[in-house]
Amino acid sequence: MTTPPRVLTIAGSDSGGGAGIQADLKTMLALGAHGMSVLTAVTAQNSVGVQGAWELTGESVRAQYRSVVDDIGVQAVKTGMLASPSLVSTVAELLADADVPVVVDPVSVSKHGDRLLAEDALDAVRTRLLPRATVATPNLDEVAQLTGVRVADEAGMLRAAGRLLAYGPRWVLVKGGHLPGQAVDLLTDGTAEHWLRAPRHDNRHTHGTGCTLASALAVGLAEGRAVPDAVRRAKEYVTAAIAAGFPLGAGIGPVDHGWALRRSP
C-alpha cells in the first residue's frame, strides 16, 4: 500500500467546523493527503462569530509537534491561528529544524471580524515566523497589519508583497479577494510575478477560505510540486469550494471542502 502525502497543520480549532483545524483536515482529505494536527487554541465559534478563545500552552504545542514529527514524519507544514507572541515564538522555534515546505497563513482576524492574534504578536510573526515560510499567504487585512500598506489596487498588492518579502519568506501570496472585480491574487518571490485570476462567485458563504487555500497549497508542496503550480491548483480548489459554499446557522456558512465528492454521480 502507498502512504499518502503527510501534511501537518498547526492551528486553532473552529467548533463550527468551517475554518481552522477542521477546515485544514477536510481540505487535506479531499485532496488525497493524510492530515495531522497540532492544536494551538480552542474557540467557541459558529456562523455568527467567535464567542470565546482559549490558548493552549507552549508545552502542549511542543509535545504534539514532537509526537507527530518524530514518529510519523511530515512532508509539509501549514500554520494558522497562533494567538500570542509566545506561541508564535514556540512554533517558529520548532520549524527552525523542519526541512520541509512551510505555508504560513498569518491569521489575525476571523471572517466575522473577531481578533485571533494579539496585537503584540505581530512583531513575532514578522521577525520569527515569516522567515521560516516557504510561502506566506496573507489577505489584505493581514497585509495592512503586518506592513502598514493599505492595498486598494493591484499596484498596491505588488508594493505590499515587497514589504512582506523583506521579512524573509521565500514566496508571498497576497490574496486580493477583498478588492472589487475578479478574485485576483499575486504570487511573487521578488523576481517572478504570477497573477492568478478567478471569477468572483455571488455567494456570501465563504467561512474558512484562507485556511482552505493554505492547506490546499501545503498538500501540493507535500506532493513535490513547484510553488507556482501548487498555488494554481490550490486556487482552483478553493474557487470551486467557494462556489459550492452553503448556508449553515444564522450567519456566514462555510466553503464546501467536499465539493468534488458532491458532484460525483
C-alpha atoms as a PDB file:
ATOM      1  CA  MET A   1       0.000   0.000   0.000  1.00  0.00           C
ATOM      2  CA  THR A   2       1.147   3.561  -0.729  1.00  0.00           C
ATOM      3  CA  THR A   3       1.208   6.114   2.075  1.00  0.00           C
ATOM      4  CA  PRO A   4      -0.429   9.397   1.015  1.00  0.00           C
ATOM      5  CA  PRO A   5       1.387  12.723   1.399  1.00  0.00           C
ATOM      6  CA  ARG A   6       1.653  13.687   5.067  1.00  0.00           C
ATOM      7  CA  VAL A   7       0.708  17.274   5.924  1.00  0.00           C
ATOM      8  CA  LEU A   8       0.735  18.856   9.382  1.00  0.00           C
ATOM      9  CA  THR A   9      -1.455  21.794  10.377  1.00  0.00           C
ATOM     10  CA  ILE A  10      -0.549  23.913  13.403  1.00  0.00           C
ATOM     11  CA  ALA A  11      -3.637  25.970  14.121  1.00  0.00           C
ATOM     12  CA  GLY A  12      -6.669  26.633  16.285  1.00  0.00           C
ATOM     13  CA  SER A  13      -9.936  24.727  16.449  1.00  0.00           C
ATOM     14  CA  ASP A  14     -13.176  26.086  14.975  1.00  0.00           C
ATOM     15  CA  SER A  15     -16.023  24.392  16.831  1.00  0.00           C
ATOM     16  CA  GLY A  16     -18.378  25.277  13.959  1.00  0.00           C
ATOM     17  CA  GLY A  17     -16.258  23.211  11.565  1.00  0.00           C
ATOM     18  CA  GLY A  18     -15.813  25.823   8.840  1.00  0.00           C
ATOM     19  CA  ALA A  19     -12.287  27.086   9.427  1.00  0.00           C
ATOM     20  CA  GLY A  20      -9.185  26.306  11.466  1.00  0.00           C
ATOM     21  CA  ILE A  21      -8.014  22.765  12.115  1.00  0.00           C
ATOM     22  CA  GLN A  22     -11.320  21.352  10.909  1.00  0.00           C
ATOM     23  CA  ALA A  23     -11.123  23.091   7.516  1.00  0.00           C
ATOM     24  CA  ASP A  24      -7.469  22.125   7.175  1.00  0.00           C
ATOM     25  CA  LEU A  25      -8.084  18.416   7.747  1.00  0.00           C
ATOM     26  CA  LYS A  26     -11.127  18.363   5.437  1.00  0.00           C
ATOM     27  CA  THR A  27      -9.095  20.000   2.676  1.00  0.00           C
ATOM     28  CA  MET A  28      -6.209  17.582   3.095  1.00  0.00           C
ATOM     29  CA  LEU A  29      -8.527  14.589   2.951  1.00  0.00           C
ATOM     30  CA  ALA A  30     -10.352  15.951  -0.101  1.00  0.00           C
ATOM     31  CA  LEU A  31      -7.039  16.358  -1.930  1.00  0.00           C
ATOM     32  CA  GLY A  32      -5.708  12.918  -1.070  1.00  0.00           C
ATOM     33  CA  ALA A  33      -3.316  13.743   1.772  1.00  0.00           C
ATOM     34  CA  HIS A  34      -3.061  12.410   5.299  1.00  0.00           C
ATOM     35  CA  GLY A  35      -3.666  15.380   7.597  1.00  0.00           C
ATOM     36  CA  MET A  36      -2.232  15.653  11.110  1.00  0.00           C
ATOM     37  CA  SER A  37      -2.671  18.415  13.659  1.00  0.00           C
ATOM     38  CA  VAL A  38      -1.053  20.428  16.413  1.00  0.00           C
ATOM     39  CA  LEU A  39      -3.772  22.324  18.248  1.00  0.00           C
ATOM     40  CA  THR A  40      -2.803  25.828  19.417  1.00  0.00           C
ATOM     41  CA  ALA A  41      -6.122  27.169  20.675  1.00  0.00           C
ATOM     42  CA  VAL A  42      -9.745  26.239  21.200  1.00  0.00           C
ATOM     43  CA  THR A  43     -12.517  28.578  20.093  1.00  0.00           C
ATOM     44  CA  ALA A  44     -16.229  28.655  20.729  1.00  0.00           C
ATOM     45  CA  GLN A  45     -17.224  29.654  17.219  1.00  0.00           C
ATOM     46  CA  ASN A  46     -20.235  29.396  14.945  1.00  0.00           C
ATOM     47  CA  SER A  47     -21.680  31.031  11.837  1.00  0.00           C
ATOM     48  CA  VAL A  48     -22.166  34.411  13.523  1.00  0.00           C
ATOM     49  CA  GLY A  49     -18.848  34.870  15.311  1.00  0.00           C
ATOM     50  CA  VAL A  50     -16.341  33.821  17.926  1.00  0.00           C
ATOM     51  CA  GLN A  51     -17.798  33.695  21.415  1.00  0.00           C
ATOM     52  CA  GLY A  52     -14.576  32.689  23.177  1.00  0.00           C
ATOM     53  CA  ALA A  53     -10.972  31.599  22.608  1.00  0.00           C
ATOM     54  CA  TRP A  54      -8.566  29.735  24.878  1.00  0.00           C
ATOM     55  CA  GLU A  55      -4.871  29.438  24.068  1.00  0.00           C
ATOM     56  CA  LEU A  56      -3.015  26.179  24.727  1.00  0.00           C
ATOM     57  CA  THR A  57       0.374  26.137  26.433  1.00  0.00           C
ATOM     58  CA  GLY A  58       3.683  26.122  24.613  1.00  0.00           C
ATOM     59  CA  GLU A  59       4.490  22.841  26.335  1.00  0.00           C
ATOM     60  CA  SER A  60       1.393  21.171  24.861  1.00  0.00           C
ATOM     61  CA  VAL A  61       2.181  22.541  21.395  1.00  0.00           C
ATOM     62  CA  ARG A  62       5.746  21.252  21.548  1.00  0.00           C
ATOM     63  CA  ALA A  63       4.587  17.834  22.753  1.00  0.00           C
ATOM     64  CA  GLN A  64       2.032  17.491  19.952  1.00  0.00           C
ATOM     65  CA  TYR A  65       4.562  18.540  17.341  1.00  0.00           C
ATOM     66  CA  ARG A  66       7.302  16.182  18.513  1.00  0.00           C
ATOM     67  CA  SER A  67       4.815  13.310  18.818  1.00  0.00           C
ATOM     68  CA  VAL A  68       3.818  13.609  15.173  1.00  0.00           C
ATOM     69  CA  VAL A  69       7.105  14.626  13.563  1.00  0.00           C
ATOM     70  CA  ASP A  70       9.380  12.202  15.409  1.00  0.00           C
ATOM     71  CA  ASP A  71       7.250   9.140  14.673  1.00  0.00           C
ATOM     72  CA  ILE A  72       5.169   9.738  11.545  1.00  0.00           C
ATOM     73  CA  GLY A  73       7.132  12.471   9.820  1.00  0.00           C
ATOM     74  CA  VAL A  74       5.729  15.239   7.650  1.00  0.00           C
ATOM     75  CA  GLN A  75       6.215  16.435   4.075  1.00  0.00           C
ATOM     76  CA  ALA A  76       4.740  19.916   4.508  1.00  0.00           C
ATOM     77  CA  VAL A  77       3.548  22.122   7.375  1.00  0.00           C
ATOM     78  CA  LYS A  78       0.818  24.746   7.424  1.00  0.00           C
ATOM     79  CA  THR A  79       0.388  27.263  10.260  1.00  0.00           C
ATOM     80  CA  GLY A  80      -2.796  29.135  11.128  1.00  0.00           C
ATOM     81  CA  MET A  81      -4.086  30.730  14.338  1.00  0.00           C
ATOM     82  CA  LEU A  82      -1.206  31.141  16.809  1.00  0.00           C
ATOM     83  CA  ALA A  83      -2.859  33.709  19.114  1.00  0.00           C
ATOM     84  CA  SER A  84       0.073  35.075  21.162  1.00  0.00           C
ATOM     85  CA  PRO A  85       3.751  36.082  20.939  1.00  0.00           C
ATOM     86  CA  SER A  86       4.793  33.066  22.979  1.00  0.00           C
ATOM     87  CA  LEU A  87       3.003  30.603  20.712  1.00  0.00           C
ATOM     88  CA  VAL A  88       4.354  32.291  17.579  1.00  0.00           C
ATOM     89  CA  SER A  89       7.872  32.015  19.001  1.00  0.00           C
ATOM     90  CA  THR A  90       7.335  28.399  20.071  1.00  0.00           C
ATOM     91  CA  VAL A  91       6.150  27.374  16.607  1.00  0.00           C
ATOM     92  CA  ALA A  92       8.936  29.324  14.886  1.00  0.00           C
ATOM     93  CA  GLU A  93      11.482  27.538  17.075  1.00  0.00           C
ATOM     94  CA  LEU A  94      10.020  24.138  16.177  1.00  0.00           C
ATOM     95  CA  LEU A  95      10.027  24.956  12.476  1.00  0.00           C
ATOM     96  CA  ALA A  96      13.664  26.063  12.530  1.00  0.00           C
ATOM     97  CA  ASP A  97      14.705  22.434  12.114  1.00  0.00           C
ATOM     98  CA  ALA A  98      11.924  21.438   9.707  1.00  0.00           C
ATOM     99  CA  ASP A  99      13.447  20.510   6.361  1.00  0.00           C
ATOM    100  CA  VAL A 100      10.088  20.628   4.566  1.00  0.00           C
ATOM    101  CA  PRO A 101       7.984  23.351   2.912  1.00  0.00           C
ATOM    102  CA  VAL A 102       6.132  25.614   5.353  1.00  0.00           C
ATOM    103  CA  VAL A 103       2.984  27.575   4.473  1.00  0.00           C
ATOM    104  CA  VAL A 104       2.352  30.462   6.892  1.00  0.00           C
ATOM    105  CA  ASP A 105      -1.205  31.762   6.958  1.00  0.00           C
ATOM    106  CA  PRO A 106      -0.825  34.737   9.346  1.00  0.00           C
ATOM    107  CA  VAL A 107      -4.356  34.512  10.732  1.00  0.00           C
ATOM    108  CA  SER A 108      -5.223  37.627  12.728  1.00  0.00           C
ATOM    109  CA  VAL A 109      -8.968  38.233  12.363  1.00  0.00           C
ATOM    110  CA  SER A 110     -11.868  35.844  11.798  1.00  0.00           C
ATOM    111  CA  LYS A 111     -14.338  36.132   8.918  1.00  0.00           C
ATOM    112  CA  HIS A 112     -16.676  37.892  11.354  1.00  0.00           C
ATOM    113  CA  GLY A 113     -14.090  40.448  12.474  1.00  0.00           C
ATOM    114  CA  ASP A 114     -13.104  38.776  15.752  1.00  0.00           C
ATOM    115  CA  ARG A 115      -9.416  39.159  16.629  1.00  0.00           C
ATOM    116  CA  LEU A 116      -7.476  35.874  16.686  1.00  0.00           C
ATOM    117  CA  LEU A 117      -3.937  37.238  17.048  1.00  0.00           C
ATOM    118  CA  ALA A 118      -2.862  39.533  19.865  1.00  0.00           C
ATOM    119  CA  GLU A 119      -1.604  42.949  18.754  1.00  0.00           C
ATOM    120  CA  ASP A 120       1.740  42.340  20.458  1.00  0.00           C
ATOM    121  CA  ALA A 121       2.209  39.109  18.478  1.00  0.00           C
ATOM    122  CA  LEU A 122       2.583  40.894  15.136  1.00  0.00           C
ATOM    123  CA  ASP A 123       6.270  41.608  15.642  1.00  0.00           C
ATOM    124  CA  ALA A 124       6.927  37.943  16.449  1.00  0.00           C
ATOM    125  CA  VAL A 125       5.156  36.966  13.220  1.00  0.00           C
ATOM    126  CA  ARG A 126       7.333  39.397  11.258  1.00  0.00           C
ATOM    127  CA  THR A 127      10.668  38.518  12.842  1.00  0.00           C
ATOM    128  CA  ARG A 128      10.291  34.877  13.921  1.00  0.00           C
ATOM    129  CA  LEU A 129       7.658  33.161  11.776  1.00  0.00           C
ATOM    130  CA  LEU A 130       7.779  34.742   8.320  1.00  0.00           C
ATOM    131  CA  PRO A 131      11.500  33.912   7.887  1.00  0.00           C
ATOM    132  CA  ARG A 132      10.519  30.225   8.215  1.00  0.00           C
ATOM    133  CA  ALA A 133       7.915  30.418   5.442  1.00  0.00           C
ATOM    134  CA  THR A 134       8.251  28.840   2.046  1.00  0.00           C
ATOM    135  CA  VAL A 135       5.052  30.711   1.193  1.00  0.00           C
ATOM    136  CA  ALA A 136       3.189  33.301   3.278  1.00  0.00           C
ATOM    137  CA  THR A 137      -0.492  33.748   2.398  1.00  0.00           C
ATOM    138  CA  PRO A 138      -1.888  36.960   3.935  1.00  0.00           C
ATOM    139  CA  ASN A 139      -5.164  38.560   2.953  1.00  0.00           C
ATOM    140  CA  LEU A 140      -5.362  42.328   2.591  1.00  0.00           C
ATOM    141  CA  ASP A 141      -6.315  42.969   6.226  1.00  0.00           C
ATOM    142  CA  GLU A 142      -3.338  40.894   7.376  1.00  0.00           C
ATOM    143  CA  VAL A 143      -1.102  42.682   4.874  1.00  0.00           C
ATOM    144  CA  ALA A 144      -2.107  46.028   6.376  1.00  0.00           C
ATOM    145  CA  GLN A 145      -1.414  44.843   9.923  1.00  0.00           C
ATOM    146  CA  LEU A 146       1.971  43.367   9.053  1.00  0.00           C
ATOM    147  CA  THR A 147       3.267  46.080   6.709  1.00  0.00           C
ATOM    148  CA  GLY A 148       1.128  49.182   7.174  1.00  0.00           C
ATOM    149  CA  VAL A 149       0.291  49.121   3.447  1.00  0.00           C
ATOM    150  CA  ARG A 150      -3.415  49.638   2.729  1.00  0.00           C
ATOM    151  CA  VAL A 151      -3.982  47.921  -0.603  1.00  0.00           C
ATOM    152  CA  ALA A 152      -6.591  49.418  -2.944  1.00  0.00           C
ATOM    153  CA  ASP A 153      -5.440  48.035  -6.296  1.00  0.00           C
ATOM    154  CA  GLU A 154      -3.021  45.637  -7.968  1.00  0.00           C
ATOM    155  CA  ALA A 155      -0.144  48.099  -7.773  1.00  0.00           C
ATOM    156  CA  GLY A 156      -0.677  48.192  -4.021  1.00  0.00           C
ATOM    157  CA  MET A 157      -0.567  44.386  -3.893  1.00  0.00           C
ATOM    158  CA  LEU A 158       2.858  44.479  -5.531  1.00  0.00           C
ATOM    159  CA  ARG A 159       4.159  47.100  -3.081  1.00  0.00           C
ATOM    160  CA  ALA A 160       2.845  45.123  -0.133  1.00  0.00           C
ATOM    161  CA  ALA A 161       4.437  41.922  -1.425  1.00  0.00           C
ATOM    162  CA  GLY A 162       7.806  43.653  -1.497  1.00  0.00           C
ATOM    163  CA  ARG A 163       7.425  44.728   2.133  1.00  0.00           C
ATOM    164  CA  LEU A 164       6.465  41.199   3.163  1.00  0.00           C
ATOM    165  CA  LEU A 165       9.369  39.593   1.302  1.00  0.00           C
ATOM    166  CA  ALA A 166      11.736  41.808   3.293  1.00  0.00           C
ATOM    167  CA  TYR A 167      10.741  39.814   6.394  1.00  0.00           C
ATOM    168  CA  GLY A 168      12.218  36.670   4.891  1.00  0.00           C
ATOM    169  CA  PRO A 169       9.643  34.312   3.320  1.00  0.00           C
ATOM    170  CA  ARG A 170      10.763  32.731   0.051  1.00  0.00           C
ATOM    171  CA  TRP A 171       7.427  33.479  -1.640  1.00  0.00           C
ATOM    172  CA  VAL A 172       4.442  35.680  -0.794  1.00  0.00           C
ATOM    173  CA  LEU A 173       0.880  35.084  -1.968  1.00  0.00           C
ATOM    174  CA  VAL A 174      -1.054  38.321  -1.463  1.00  0.00           C
ATOM    175  CA  LYS A 175      -4.747  37.442  -1.602  1.00  0.00           C
ATOM    176  CA  GLY A 176      -6.793  40.195  -3.222  1.00  0.00           C
ATOM    177  CA  GLY A 177     -10.224  38.730  -2.665  1.00  0.00           C
ATOM    178  CA  HIS A 178     -11.405  41.891  -0.889  1.00  0.00           C
ATOM    179  CA  LEU A 179     -10.819  44.028  -3.981  1.00  0.00           C
ATOM    180  CA  PRO A 180     -13.699  44.640  -6.423  1.00  0.00           C
ATOM    181  CA  GLY A 181     -13.904  42.760  -9.686  1.00  0.00           C
ATOM    182  CA  GLN A 182     -12.255  39.412 -10.271  1.00  0.00           C
ATOM    183  CA  ALA A 183     -10.734  37.497  -7.364  1.00  0.00           C
ATOM    184  CA  VAL A 184      -7.071  38.257  -8.040  1.00  0.00           C
ATOM    185  CA  ASP A 185      -4.048  37.011  -6.086  1.00  0.00           C
ATOM    186  CA  LEU A 186      -0.371  37.839  -6.535  1.00  0.00           C
ATOM    187  CA  LEU A 187       2.352  35.234  -6.036  1.00  0.00           C
ATOM    188  CA  THR A 188       5.922  36.522  -6.130  1.00  0.00           C
ATOM    189  CA  ASP A 189       9.395  35.759  -4.867  1.00  0.00           C
ATOM    190  CA  GLY A 190      10.614  39.241  -5.695  1.00  0.00           C
ATOM    191  CA  THR A 191      11.676  38.226  -9.196  1.00  0.00           C
ATOM    192  CA  ALA A 192       8.880  36.253 -10.809  1.00  0.00           C
ATOM    193  CA  GLU A 193       5.297  37.548 -10.674  1.00  0.00           C
ATOM    194  CA  HIS A 194       2.303  35.262 -11.072  1.00  0.00           C
ATOM    195  CA  TRP A 195      -1.115  36.919 -11.192  1.00  0.00           C
ATOM    196  CA  LEU A 196      -3.893  34.415 -10.539  1.00  0.00           C
ATOM    197  CA  ARG A 197      -7.415  35.426 -11.507  1.00  0.00           C
ATOM    198  CA  ALA A 198     -10.741  33.702 -10.986  1.00  0.00           C
ATOM    199  CA  PRO A 199     -14.372  34.719 -11.376  1.00  0.00           C
ATOM    200  CA  ARG A 200     -15.990  36.154  -8.263  1.00  0.00           C
ATOM    201  CA  HIS A 201     -18.905  33.980  -7.142  1.00  0.00           C
ATOM    202  CA  ASP A 202     -22.022  35.613  -5.745  1.00  0.00           C
ATOM    203  CA  ASN A 203     -22.002  33.568  -2.552  1.00  0.00           C
ATOM    204  CA  ARG A 204     -21.711  35.005   0.965  1.00  0.00           C
ATOM    205  CA  HIS A 205     -20.867  31.624   2.467  1.00  0.00           C
ATOM    206  CA  THR A 206     -17.078  31.889   2.445  1.00  0.00           C
ATOM    207  CA  HIS A 207     -16.069  30.977   6.013  1.00  0.00           C
ATOM    208  CA  GLY A 208     -12.722  29.171   6.027  1.00  0.00           C
ATOM    209  CA  THR A 209     -11.469  30.433   2.677  1.00  0.00           C
ATOM    210  CA  GLY A 210      -7.978  31.355   3.873  1.00  0.00           C
ATOM    211  CA  CYS A 211      -7.432  28.165   5.856  1.00  0.00           C
ATOM    212  CA  THR A 212      -8.636  26.100   2.917  1.00  0.00           C
ATOM    213  CA  LEU A 213      -6.349  27.783   0.389  1.00  0.00           C
ATOM    214  CA  ALA A 214      -3.272  27.494   2.615  1.00  0.00           C
ATOM    215  CA  SER A 215      -3.983  23.835   3.349  1.00  0.00           C
ATOM    216  CA  ALA A 216      -4.525  23.019  -0.321  1.00  0.00           C
ATOM    217  CA  LEU A 217      -1.217  24.735  -1.081  1.00  0.00           C
ATOM    218  CA  ALA A 218       0.536  22.683   1.606  1.00  0.00           C
ATOM    219  CA  VAL A 219      -0.820  19.487   0.025  1.00  0.00           C
ATOM    220  CA  GLY A 220       0.603  20.486  -3.348  1.00  0.00           C
ATOM    221  CA  LEU A 221       4.002  21.205  -1.821  1.00  0.00           C
ATOM    222  CA  ALA A 222       3.935  17.861   0.027  1.00  0.00           C
ATOM    223  CA  GLU A 223       3.377  16.206  -3.344  1.00  0.00           C
ATOM    224  CA  GLY A 224       6.600  17.798  -4.563  1.00  0.00           C
ATOM    225  CA  ARG A 225       5.027  20.424  -6.825  1.00  0.00           C
ATOM    226  CA  ALA A 226       6.804  23.703  -7.525  1.00  0.00           C
ATOM    227  CA  VAL A 227       5.345  26.663  -5.662  1.00  0.00           C
ATOM    228  CA  PRO A 228       3.605  28.318  -8.664  1.00  0.00           C
ATOM    229  CA  ASP A 229       1.979  25.027  -9.690  1.00  0.00           C
ATOM    230  CA  ALA A 230       0.888  24.249  -6.127  1.00  0.00           C
ATOM    231  CA  VAL A 231      -0.619  27.729  -5.764  1.00  0.00           C
ATOM    232  CA  ARG A 232      -2.529  27.470  -9.050  1.00  0.00           C
ATOM    233  CA  ARG A 233      -4.017  24.118  -8.071  1.00  0.00           C
ATOM    234  CA  ALA A 234      -4.904  25.410  -4.596  1.00  0.00           C
ATOM    235  CA  LYS A 235      -6.689  28.427  -6.058  1.00  0.00           C
ATOM    236  CA  GLU A 236      -8.665  26.216  -8.423  1.00  0.00           C
ATOM    237  CA  TYR A 237      -9.755  24.043  -5.499  1.00  0.00           C
ATOM    238  CA  VAL A 238     -10.766  26.925  -3.227  1.00  0.00           C
ATOM    239  CA  THR A 239     -12.568  28.779  -6.052  1.00  0.00           C
ATOM    240  CA  ALA A 240     -14.774  25.732  -6.598  1.00  0.00           C
ATOM    241  CA  ALA A 241     -15.241  25.366  -2.834  1.00  0.00           C
ATOM    242  CA  ILE A 242     -16.413  28.987  -2.610  1.00  0.00           C
ATOM    243  CA  ALA A 243     -18.849  28.468  -5.472  1.00  0.00           C
ATOM    244  CA  ALA A 244     -20.312  25.499  -3.580  1.00  0.00           C
ATOM    245  CA  GLY A 245     -20.389  27.197  -0.152  1.00  0.00           C
ATOM    246  CA  PHE A 246     -23.614  26.519   1.698  1.00  0.00           C
ATOM    247  CA  PRO A 247     -25.755  28.153   4.415  1.00  0.00           C
ATOM    248  CA  LEU A 248     -25.182  26.953   7.961  1.00  0.00           C
ATOM    249  CA  GLY A 249     -26.695  28.526  11.058  1.00  0.00           C
ATOM    250  CA  ALA A 250     -27.826  32.143  11.117  1.00  0.00           C
ATOM    251  CA  GLY A 251     -24.707  33.771   9.686  1.00  0.00           C
ATOM    252  CA  ILE A 252     -21.918  33.079   7.198  1.00  0.00           C
ATOM    253  CA  GLY A 253     -21.726  29.456   6.095  1.00  0.00           C
ATOM    254  CA  PRO A 254     -18.563  27.590   5.117  1.00  0.00           C
ATOM    255  CA  VAL A 255     -16.998  26.837   1.781  1.00  0.00           C
ATOM    256  CA  ASP A 256     -17.685  23.260   0.681  1.00  0.00           C
ATOM    257  CA  HIS A 257     -14.496  21.265   1.149  1.00  0.00           C
ATOM    258  CA  GLY A 258     -16.154  18.181  -0.322  1.00  0.00           C
ATOM    259  CA  TRP A 259     -17.451  19.864  -3.477  1.00  0.00           C
ATOM    260  CA  ALA A 260     -15.836  17.284  -5.770  1.00  0.00           C
ATOM    261  CA  LEU A 261     -17.474  14.420  -3.898  1.00  0.00           C
ATOM    262  CA  ARG A 262     -20.876  16.069  -4.117  1.00  0.00           C
ATOM    263  CA  ARG A 263     -20.536  16.381  -7.903  1.00  0.00           C
ATOM    264  CA  SER A 264     -19.803  12.684  -8.305  1.00  0.00           C
ATOM    265  CA  PRO A 265     -22.624  10.582  -9.759  1.00  0.00           C
END
